[in-house]
Amino acid sequence: MPDTETPFGPREQLAIWLLLISAFVVILNETVMGVALPRLMEDLRISAAAGQWLTTVFLLTMSVVIPITGMLIQRVRTRPLFITAMSLFTTGTLVSALAPGFGVLLVGRVVQAGGTAIMMPL
């Protein structure tokens, strides 16, 4: 009777779970802005047009960085690229969470989008 081995060892399974959870968090971040935007506009005392820049700048940054990521995937190993993506995403999230005003929040969203854009093709 042949042994029923899993195709992946514990290390590979951990890597797959880490990628799945990371992708979930990154994609969740994209959708949460729609819910948070009205409250942010109220707290920061900004107009709807200004508030939409939080979503627009995120999407614009992603549209620039995703094609660059294709080149990076060919030149850089996956692990350092993943660590870079998650570092950018985490830094952007911290900057956004601690932002005292709209300008800093906008910068945080750009950094988040950079990490998200690198993460998506991985």
N, C-alpha and C. Protein backbone atom coordinates (compact mmCIF):
# COMPACT_ATOMS: atom_id res chain seq x y z
N MET A 1 0.83 -1.18 0.00
CA MET A 1 0.00 0.00 0.00
C MET A 1 0.88 1.25 0.00
N PRO A 2 0.66 2.17 -0.94
CA PRO A 2 1.52 3.36 -0.99
C PRO A 2 1.21 4.32 0.17
N ASP A 3 2.27 4.97 0.61
CA ASP A 3 2.10 5.98 1.66
C ASP A 3 1.33 7.16 1.09
N THR A 4 0.46 7.70 1.91
CA THR A 4 -0.29 8.90 1.49
C THR A 4 0.42 10.12 2.06
N GLU A 5 1.37 10.60 1.31
CA GLU A 5 2.12 11.77 1.73
C GLU A 5 1.45 13.02 1.20
N THR A 6 1.54 14.06 1.99
CA THR A 6 1.03 15.34 1.50
C THR A 6 2.04 15.90 0.51
N PRO A 7 1.57 16.58 -0.52
CA PRO A 7 2.50 17.10 -1.52
C PRO A 7 3.39 18.21 -0.98
N PHE A 8 3.01 18.76 0.15
CA PHE A 8 3.79 19.85 0.74
C PHE A 8 4.15 19.50 2.17
N GLY A 9 5.37 19.84 2.53
CA GLY A 9 5.80 19.65 3.90
C GLY A 9 5.29 20.77 4.79
N PRO A 10 5.59 20.72 6.08
CA PRO A 10 5.11 21.76 7.00
C PRO A 10 5.58 23.16 6.63
N ARG A 11 6.79 23.26 6.15
CA ARG A 11 7.32 24.57 5.77
C ARG A 11 6.56 25.17 4.58
N GLU A 12 6.29 24.33 3.60
CA GLU A 12 5.55 24.80 2.42
C GLU A 12 4.11 25.15 2.79
N GLN A 13 3.50 24.34 3.67
CA GLN A 13 2.14 24.63 4.12
C GLN A 13 2.08 25.96 4.86
N LEU A 14 3.07 26.22 5.69
CA LEU A 14 3.13 27.49 6.42
C LEU A 14 3.24 28.66 5.43
N ALA A 15 4.08 28.49 4.41
CA ALA A 15 4.24 29.55 3.41
C ALA A 15 2.93 29.80 2.66
N ILE A 16 2.22 28.74 2.32
CA ILE A 16 0.94 28.89 1.62
C ILE A 16 -0.07 29.61 2.50
N TRP A 17 -0.16 29.21 3.76
CA TRP A 17 -1.09 29.88 4.68
C TRP A 17 -0.73 31.34 4.88
N LEU A 18 0.55 31.62 4.98
CA LEU A 18 1.00 33.00 5.15
C LEU A 18 0.62 33.84 3.93
N LEU A 19 0.80 33.29 2.74
CA LEU A 19 0.41 34.00 1.52
C LEU A 19 -1.11 34.21 1.44
N LEU A 20 -1.87 33.20 1.82
CA LEU A 20 -3.33 33.31 1.79
C LEU A 20 -3.84 34.38 2.76
N ILE A 21 -3.33 34.35 3.98
CA ILE A 21 -3.76 35.33 4.98
C ILE A 21 -3.33 36.74 4.56
N SER A 22 -2.12 36.86 4.06
CA SER A 22 -1.63 38.17 3.61
C SER A 22 -2.48 38.71 2.46
N ALA A 23 -2.79 37.85 1.50
CA ALA A 23 -3.62 38.29 0.37
C ALA A 23 -5.00 38.71 0.85
N PHE A 24 -5.55 37.98 1.81
CA PHE A 24 -6.86 38.34 2.36
C PHE A 24 -6.83 39.71 3.01
N VAL A 25 -5.83 39.96 3.83
CA VAL A 25 -5.72 41.24 4.53
C VAL A 25 -5.53 42.38 3.54
N VAL A 26 -4.70 42.17 2.54
CA VAL A 26 -4.43 43.20 1.55
C VAL A 26 -5.69 43.53 0.75
N ILE A 27 -6.43 42.51 0.34
CA ILE A 27 -7.66 42.75 -0.42
C ILE A 27 -8.74 43.35 0.47
N LEU A 28 -8.81 42.93 1.71
CA LEU A 28 -9.77 43.52 2.65
C LEU A 28 -9.50 45.01 2.82
N ASN A 29 -8.24 45.38 2.84
CA ASN A 29 -7.87 46.78 2.97
C ASN A 29 -8.42 47.62 1.82
N GLU A 30 -8.45 47.04 0.63
CA GLU A 30 -8.98 47.77 -0.53
C GLU A 30 -10.46 48.08 -0.37
N THR A 31 -11.21 47.14 0.19
CA THR A 31 -12.66 47.31 0.28
C THR A 31 -13.11 48.08 1.50
N VAL A 32 -12.31 48.13 2.54
CA VAL A 32 -12.73 48.76 3.79
C VAL A 32 -12.88 50.28 3.65
N MET A 33 -12.20 50.87 2.71
CA MET A 33 -12.25 52.32 2.56
C MET A 33 -13.66 52.80 2.23
N GLY A 34 -14.41 52.02 1.48
CA GLY A 34 -15.78 52.40 1.16
C GLY A 34 -16.64 52.57 2.39
N VAL A 35 -16.43 51.74 3.38
CA VAL A 35 -17.19 51.82 4.63
C VAL A 35 -16.66 52.94 5.52
N ALA A 36 -15.35 53.12 5.54
CA ALA A 36 -14.73 54.09 6.45
C ALA A 36 -14.77 55.52 5.92
N LEU A 37 -14.97 55.70 4.63
CA LEU A 37 -14.85 57.03 4.03
C LEU A 37 -15.79 58.08 4.64
N PRO A 38 -17.07 57.81 4.84
CA PRO A 38 -17.93 58.85 5.43
C PRO A 38 -17.44 59.31 6.81
N ARG A 39 -17.00 58.37 7.63
CA ARG A 39 -16.51 58.72 8.97
C ARG A 39 -15.21 59.52 8.88
N LEU A 40 -14.33 59.13 7.97
CA LEU A 40 -13.08 59.87 7.78
C LEU A 40 -13.35 61.29 7.31
N MET A 41 -14.30 61.45 6.40
CA MET A 41 -14.63 62.80 5.90
C MET A 41 -15.14 63.67 7.05
N GLU A 42 -15.93 63.08 7.92
CA GLU A 42 -16.46 63.83 9.06
C GLU A 42 -15.34 64.18 10.05
N ASP A 43 -14.52 63.20 10.40
CA ASP A 43 -13.45 63.43 11.37
C ASP A 43 -12.38 64.40 10.87
N LEU A 44 -12.05 64.30 9.59
CA LEU A 44 -11.00 65.15 9.02
C LEU A 44 -11.55 66.47 8.47
N ARG A 45 -12.87 66.59 8.49
CA ARG A 45 -13.55 67.79 7.98
C ARG A 45 -13.13 68.09 6.53
N ILE A 46 -13.30 67.08 5.69
CA ILE A 46 -12.96 67.23 4.27
C ILE A 46 -14.21 66.97 3.43
N SER A 47 -14.18 67.45 2.20
CA SER A 47 -15.31 67.26 1.29
C SER A 47 -15.29 65.84 0.72
N ALA A 48 -16.40 65.48 0.08
CA ALA A 48 -16.48 64.17 -0.56
C ALA A 48 -15.45 64.05 -1.68
N ALA A 49 -15.23 65.13 -2.41
CA ALA A 49 -14.23 65.11 -3.49
C ALA A 49 -12.83 64.84 -2.94
N ALA A 50 -12.50 65.49 -1.83
CA ALA A 50 -11.19 65.26 -1.21
C ALA A 50 -11.12 63.84 -0.66
N GLY A 51 -12.20 63.38 -0.05
CA GLY A 51 -12.22 62.03 0.49
C GLY A 51 -12.04 60.96 -0.57
N GLN A 52 -12.57 61.20 -1.75
CA GLN A 52 -12.42 60.23 -2.84
C GLN A 52 -10.96 60.08 -3.27
N TRP A 53 -10.15 61.07 -2.99
CA TRP A 53 -8.73 60.96 -3.32
C TRP A 53 -8.07 59.82 -2.55
N LEU A 54 -8.60 59.46 -1.39
CA LEU A 54 -8.04 58.35 -0.63
C LEU A 54 -8.18 57.04 -1.41
N THR A 55 -9.27 56.88 -2.12
CA THR A 55 -9.46 55.70 -2.96
C THR A 55 -8.74 55.84 -4.29
N THR A 56 -8.84 57.03 -4.88
CA THR A 56 -8.24 57.26 -6.20
C THR A 56 -6.73 57.11 -6.16
N VAL A 57 -6.07 57.69 -5.16
CA VAL A 57 -4.61 57.61 -5.09
C VAL A 57 -4.17 56.16 -4.86
N PHE A 58 -4.97 55.39 -4.15
CA PHE A 58 -4.67 53.98 -3.93
C PHE A 58 -4.69 53.23 -5.26
N LEU A 59 -5.75 53.44 -6.04
CA LEU A 59 -5.88 52.76 -7.33
C LEU A 59 -4.84 53.23 -8.34
N LEU A 60 -4.55 54.52 -8.35
CA LEU A 60 -3.52 55.04 -9.27
C LEU A 60 -2.15 54.44 -8.95
N THR A 61 -1.82 54.38 -7.67
CA THR A 61 -0.53 53.81 -7.27
C THR A 61 -0.46 52.34 -7.68
N MET A 62 -1.53 51.61 -7.46
CA MET A 62 -1.54 50.20 -7.86
C MET A 62 -1.37 50.05 -9.36
N SER A 63 -2.02 50.91 -10.14
CA SER A 63 -1.92 50.78 -11.60
C SER A 63 -0.52 51.07 -12.11
N VAL A 64 0.26 51.82 -11.36
CA VAL A 64 1.64 52.09 -11.74
C VAL A 64 2.57 50.97 -11.26
N VAL A 65 2.35 50.48 -10.05
CA VAL A 65 3.29 49.53 -9.44
C VAL A 65 3.08 48.10 -9.93
N ILE A 66 1.86 47.69 -10.22
CA ILE A 66 1.62 46.30 -10.64
C ILE A 66 2.43 45.92 -11.88
N PRO A 67 2.48 46.72 -12.95
CA PRO A 67 3.32 46.33 -14.09
C PRO A 67 4.81 46.25 -13.73
N ILE A 68 5.26 47.10 -12.84
CA ILE A 68 6.66 47.06 -12.40
C ILE A 68 6.92 45.76 -11.63
N THR A 69 5.92 45.29 -10.91
CA THR A 69 6.06 44.06 -10.14
C THR A 69 6.35 42.87 -11.05
N GLY A 70 5.78 42.86 -12.25
CA GLY A 70 6.07 41.79 -13.20
C GLY A 70 7.55 41.69 -13.50
N MET A 71 8.20 42.82 -13.66
CA MET A 71 9.64 42.84 -13.89
C MET A 71 10.39 42.41 -12.62
N LEU A 72 9.91 42.87 -11.47
CA LEU A 72 10.57 42.52 -10.21
C LEU A 72 10.51 41.02 -9.94
N ILE A 73 9.39 40.39 -10.28
CA ILE A 73 9.23 38.95 -10.06
C ILE A 73 10.28 38.17 -10.85
N GLN A 74 10.66 38.66 -12.03
CA GLN A 74 11.66 37.98 -12.84
C GLN A 74 13.08 38.19 -12.30
N ARG A 75 13.30 39.25 -11.55
CA ARG A 75 14.65 39.60 -11.12
C ARG A 75 14.93 39.36 -9.64
N VAL A 76 13.88 39.31 -8.83
CA VAL A 76 14.05 39.18 -7.38
C VAL A 76 13.32 37.93 -6.92
N ARG A 77 13.93 37.21 -5.98
CA ARG A 77 13.29 36.01 -5.44
C ARG A 77 11.99 36.39 -4.73
N THR A 78 11.11 35.42 -4.61
CA THR A 78 9.78 35.66 -4.05
C THR A 78 9.83 36.09 -2.59
N ARG A 79 10.68 35.46 -1.80
CA ARG A 79 10.71 35.77 -0.36
C ARG A 79 11.06 37.24 -0.09
N PRO A 80 12.16 37.77 -0.65
CA PRO A 80 12.45 39.19 -0.39
C PRO A 80 11.37 40.12 -0.95
N LEU A 81 10.76 39.73 -2.05
CA LEU A 81 9.70 40.54 -2.64
C LEU A 81 8.47 40.55 -1.73
N PHE A 82 8.14 39.39 -1.18
CA PHE A 82 7.02 39.28 -0.24
C PHE A 82 7.29 40.11 1.02
N ILE A 83 8.49 40.00 1.55
CA ILE A 83 8.84 40.77 2.75
C ILE A 83 8.77 42.26 2.47
N THR A 84 9.25 42.68 1.31
CA THR A 84 9.16 44.09 0.93
C THR A 84 7.71 44.54 0.83
N ALA A 85 6.89 43.72 0.18
CA ALA A 85 5.46 44.07 0.01
C ALA A 85 4.78 44.21 1.37
N MET A 86 5.00 43.25 2.25
CA MET A 86 4.34 43.31 3.55
C MET A 86 4.90 44.44 4.42
N SER A 87 6.19 44.73 4.27
CA SER A 87 6.78 45.86 5.01
C SER A 87 6.17 47.18 4.55
N LEU A 88 6.05 47.36 3.25
CA LEU A 88 5.41 48.57 2.72
C LEU A 88 3.96 48.67 3.18
N PHE A 89 3.24 47.56 3.08
CA PHE A 89 1.84 47.56 3.48
C PHE A 89 1.69 47.89 4.96
N THR A 90 2.51 47.26 5.80
CA THR A 90 2.44 47.50 7.24
C THR A 90 2.82 48.93 7.58
N THR A 91 3.87 49.44 6.95
CA THR A 91 4.28 50.83 7.19
C THR A 91 3.17 51.79 6.77
N GLY A 92 2.60 51.57 5.60
CA GLY A 92 1.50 52.41 5.14
C GLY A 92 0.30 52.36 6.05
N THR A 93 0.02 51.18 6.58
CA THR A 93 -1.10 51.02 7.50
C THR A 93 -0.84 51.79 8.79
N LEU A 94 0.38 51.70 9.32
CA LEU A 94 0.71 52.43 10.55
C LEU A 94 0.67 53.94 10.33
N VAL A 95 1.21 54.40 9.21
CA VAL A 95 1.17 55.83 8.89
C VAL A 95 -0.28 56.30 8.78
N SER A 96 -1.10 55.51 8.11
CA SER A 96 -2.52 55.87 7.95
C SER A 96 -3.25 55.87 9.29
N ALA A 97 -2.98 54.87 10.11
CA ALA A 97 -3.66 54.76 11.40
C ALA A 97 -3.30 55.90 12.33
N LEU A 98 -2.07 56.38 12.25
CA LEU A 98 -1.60 57.44 13.15
C LEU A 98 -1.63 58.82 12.51
N ALA A 99 -2.19 58.91 11.32
CA ALA A 99 -2.19 60.18 10.58
C ALA A 99 -2.94 61.27 11.33
N PRO A 100 -2.28 62.42 11.54
CA PRO A 100 -2.95 63.52 12.22
C PRO A 100 -3.85 64.34 11.29
N GLY A 101 -3.67 64.14 9.98
CA GLY A 101 -4.45 64.93 9.03
C GLY A 101 -4.55 64.23 7.69
N PHE A 102 -5.25 64.90 6.79
CA PHE A 102 -5.53 64.33 5.47
C PHE A 102 -4.27 64.06 4.66
N GLY A 103 -3.32 64.98 4.65
CA GLY A 103 -2.11 64.82 3.85
C GLY A 103 -1.31 63.59 4.23
N VAL A 104 -1.13 63.39 5.52
CA VAL A 104 -0.38 62.22 6.00
C VAL A 104 -1.15 60.94 5.69
N LEU A 105 -2.46 60.98 5.84
CA LEU A 105 -3.29 59.82 5.51
C LEU A 105 -3.16 59.47 4.03
N LEU A 106 -3.12 60.47 3.18
CA LEU A 106 -2.96 60.25 1.75
C LEU A 106 -1.62 59.58 1.44
N VAL A 107 -0.56 60.04 2.09
CA VAL A 107 0.76 59.43 1.92
C VAL A 107 0.74 57.98 2.40
N GLY A 108 0.11 57.73 3.53
CA GLY A 108 -0.01 56.37 4.05
C GLY A 108 -0.73 55.45 3.07
N ARG A 109 -1.77 55.97 2.42
CA ARG A 109 -2.50 55.18 1.43
C ARG A 109 -1.64 54.86 0.21
N VAL A 110 -0.78 55.79 -0.19
CA VAL A 110 0.14 55.53 -1.31
C VAL A 110 1.10 54.41 -0.95
N VAL A 111 1.66 54.45 0.25
CA VAL A 111 2.59 53.41 0.69
C VAL A 111 1.87 52.07 0.80
N GLN A 112 0.66 52.07 1.35
CA GLN A 112 -0.15 50.84 1.42
C GLN A 112 -0.37 50.27 0.03
N ALA A 113 -0.72 51.11 -0.91
CA ALA A 113 -1.00 50.67 -2.27
C ALA A 113 0.24 50.08 -2.92
N GLY A 114 1.41 50.64 -2.63
CA GLY A 114 2.65 50.08 -3.16
C GLY A 114 2.85 48.65 -2.68
N GLY A 115 2.65 48.42 -1.39
CA GLY A 115 2.75 47.06 -0.85
C GLY A 115 1.70 46.13 -1.42
N THR A 116 0.48 46.63 -1.54
CA THR A 116 -0.61 45.83 -2.10
C THR A 116 -0.32 45.45 -3.54
N ALA A 117 0.17 46.39 -4.32
CA ALA A 117 0.44 46.14 -5.74
C ALA A 117 1.54 45.11 -5.93
N ILE A 118 2.53 45.10 -5.06
CA ILE A 118 3.58 44.09 -5.16
C ILE A 118 3.03 42.73 -4.74
N MET A 119 2.16 42.72 -3.75
CA MET A 119 1.61 41.48 -3.22
C MET A 119 0.66 40.78 -4.19
N MET A 120 -0.12 41.54 -4.93
CA MET A 120 -1.17 40.97 -5.77
C MET A 120 -0.65 39.91 -6.76
N PRO A 121 0.39 40.17 -7.54
CA PRO A 121 0.85 39.17 -8.50
C PRO A 121 1.58 37.98 -7.88
N LEU A 122 1.98 38.10 -6.62
CA LEU A 122 2.70 36.99 -5.99
C LEU A 122 1.77 35.81 -5.80
